[in-house]
C-alpha atoms as a PDB file:
ATOM      1  CA  MET A   1       8.808  15.286 -25.504  1.00  0.00           C
ATOM      2  CA  ARG A   2      10.471  18.465 -24.347  1.00  0.00           C
ATOM      3  CA  GLU A   3      12.856  18.473 -21.425  1.00  0.00           C
ATOM      4  CA  ASP A   4      10.315  20.369 -19.359  1.00  0.00           C
ATOM      5  CA  GLN A   5       7.560  17.967 -19.869  1.00  0.00           C
ATOM      6  CA  THR A   6       9.798  15.112 -19.110  1.00  0.00           C
ATOM      7  CA  ARG A   7      10.690  16.594 -15.970  1.00  0.00           C
ATOM      8  CA  LYS A   8       7.278  17.209 -14.867  1.00  0.00           C
ATOM      9  CA  LEU A   9       6.063  13.612 -15.805  1.00  0.00           C
ATOM     10  CA  PHE A  10       8.966  12.305 -13.615  1.00  0.00           C
ATOM     11  CA  GLU A  11       8.078  14.482 -10.824  1.00  0.00           C
ATOM     12  CA  HIS A  12       4.555  13.481 -11.107  1.00  0.00           C
ATOM     13  CA  ILE A  13       5.402   9.686 -11.151  1.00  0.00           C
ATOM     14  CA  ALA A  14       7.720  10.434  -8.083  1.00  0.00           C
ATOM     15  CA  LEU A  15       4.708  11.687  -6.340  1.00  0.00           C
ATOM     16  CA  LEU A  16       2.465   8.793  -7.174  1.00  0.00           C
ATOM     17  CA  GLU A  17       5.063   6.454  -5.836  1.00  0.00           C
ATOM     18  CA  ASN A  18       5.234   8.435  -2.617  1.00  0.00           C
ATOM     19  CA  SER A  19       1.618   8.299  -2.459  1.00  0.00           C
ATOM     20  CA  ASN A  20       1.495   4.724  -2.843  1.00  0.00           C
ATOM     21  CA  LYS A  21       4.353   4.249  -0.350  1.00  0.00           C
ATOM     22  CA  GLU A  22       2.256   6.140   2.370  1.00  0.00           C
ATOM     23  CA  LEU A  23      -0.842   4.237   1.583  1.00  0.00           C
ATOM     24  CA  VAL A  24       0.867   0.813   2.162  1.00  0.00           C
ATOM     25  CA  LYS A  25       2.334   2.270   5.358  1.00  0.00           C
ATOM     26  CA  THR A  26      -1.230   3.492   6.480  1.00  0.00           C
ATOM     27  CA  LEU A  27      -2.830   0.110   5.463  1.00  0.00           C
ATOM     28  CA  LYS A  28      -0.120  -1.634   7.814  1.00  0.00           C
ATOM     29  CA  GLN A  29      -0.932   0.328  10.755  1.00  0.00           C
ATOM     30  CA  CYS A  30      -4.756  -0.276  10.119  1.00  0.00           C
ATOM     31  CA  VAL A  31      -4.157  -3.968   9.873  1.00  0.00           C
ATOM     32  CA  GLU A  32      -2.099  -3.914  13.117  1.00  0.00           C
ATOM     33  CA  LEU A  33      -5.012  -2.204  14.824  1.00  0.00           C
ATOM     34  CA  LEU A  34      -7.778  -4.251  13.471  1.00  0.00           C
ATOM     35  CA  SER A  35      -5.836  -7.422  14.351  1.00  0.00           C
ATOM     36  CA  GLN A  36      -6.414  -6.311  18.093  1.00  0.00           C
ATOM     37  CA  PHE A  37     -10.185  -6.568  17.646  1.00  0.00           C
ATOM     38  CA  LYS A  38     -10.231 -10.363  16.246  1.00  0.00           C
ATOM     39  CA  SER A  39     -11.369 -11.738  19.619  1.00  0.00           C
ATOM     40  CA  PHE A  40     -14.284  -9.368  20.018  1.00  0.00           C
ATOM     41  CA  VAL A  41     -15.850  -9.857  16.581  1.00  0.00           C
ATOM     42  CA  PRO A  42     -18.745 -12.368  16.075  1.00  0.00           C
ATOM     43  CA  ASP A  43     -16.885 -14.090  13.129  1.00  0.00           C
ATOM     44  CA  PRO A  44     -13.230 -14.278  13.897  1.00  0.00           C
ATOM     45  CA  GLN A  45     -12.419 -16.533  10.987  1.00  0.00           C
ATOM     46  CA  GLY A  46     -14.038 -14.199   8.605  1.00  0.00           C
ATOM     47  CA  TRP A  47     -12.205 -11.175  10.176  1.00  0.00           C
ATOM     48  CA  GLN A  48      -9.064 -13.027   9.637  1.00  0.00           C
ATOM     49  CA  GLU A  49      -9.760 -13.662   6.148  1.00  0.00           C
ATOM     50  CA  ILE A  50     -10.247  -9.825   5.724  1.00  0.00           C
ATOM     51  CA  LEU A  51      -6.930  -9.343   7.365  1.00  0.00           C
ATOM     52  CA  ASP A  52      -5.234 -11.748   5.095  1.00  0.00           C
ATOM     53  CA  VAL A  53      -6.637  -9.801   2.037  1.00  0.00           C
ATOM     54  CA  PHE A  54      -5.184  -6.807   3.501  1.00  0.00           C
ATOM     55  CA  GLN A  55      -1.719  -8.361   4.070  1.00  0.00           C
ATOM     56  CA  GLU A  56      -1.737  -9.679   0.619  1.00  0.00           C
ATOM     57  CA  THR A  57      -2.439  -6.193  -0.764  1.00  0.00           C
ATOM     58  CA  ILE A  58       0.462  -4.944   1.355  1.00  0.00           C
ATOM     59  CA  LYS A  59       2.875  -7.431  -0.134  1.00  0.00           C
ATOM     60  CA  VAL A  60       1.777  -6.436  -3.510  1.00  0.00           C
ATOM     61  CA  GLY A  61       2.188  -2.650  -2.609  1.00  0.00           C
ATOM     62  CA  GLU A  62       5.616  -3.383  -1.119  1.00  0.00           C
ATOM     63  CA  ARG A  63       6.710  -5.231  -4.313  1.00  0.00           C
ATOM     64  CA  VAL A  64       5.451  -2.186  -6.283  1.00  0.00           C
ATOM     65  CA  ILE A  65       7.603   0.149  -4.236  1.00  0.00           C
ATOM     66  CA  GLY A  66      10.607  -2.078  -4.564  1.00  0.00           C
ATOM     67  CA  ASN A  67      10.456  -2.422  -8.280  1.00  0.00           C
ATOM     68  CA  ARG A  68      11.073   1.221  -9.292  1.00  0.00           C
ATOM     69  CA  THR A  69      11.965   0.681 -13.047  1.00  0.00           C
ATOM     70  CA  VAL A  70      10.974   4.144 -14.572  1.00  0.00           C
ATOM     71  CA  HIS A  71      13.686   6.020 -12.985  1.00  0.00           C
END
């Protein structure tokens, strides 16, 4: 692979990593906001299950962000 192509590939990967970081940040904010409505929903237990799935997604996303192995 030529040096220019390699540089472009790494730039693309960096952009994807940054996008992932921002998505995780946004999901955290959404979960924080949605947590405030738990007492108002008809099924608080079901609501909490959804929030728990989001929390697990956040954990995976943070693990991916922390494990930058390509560069």
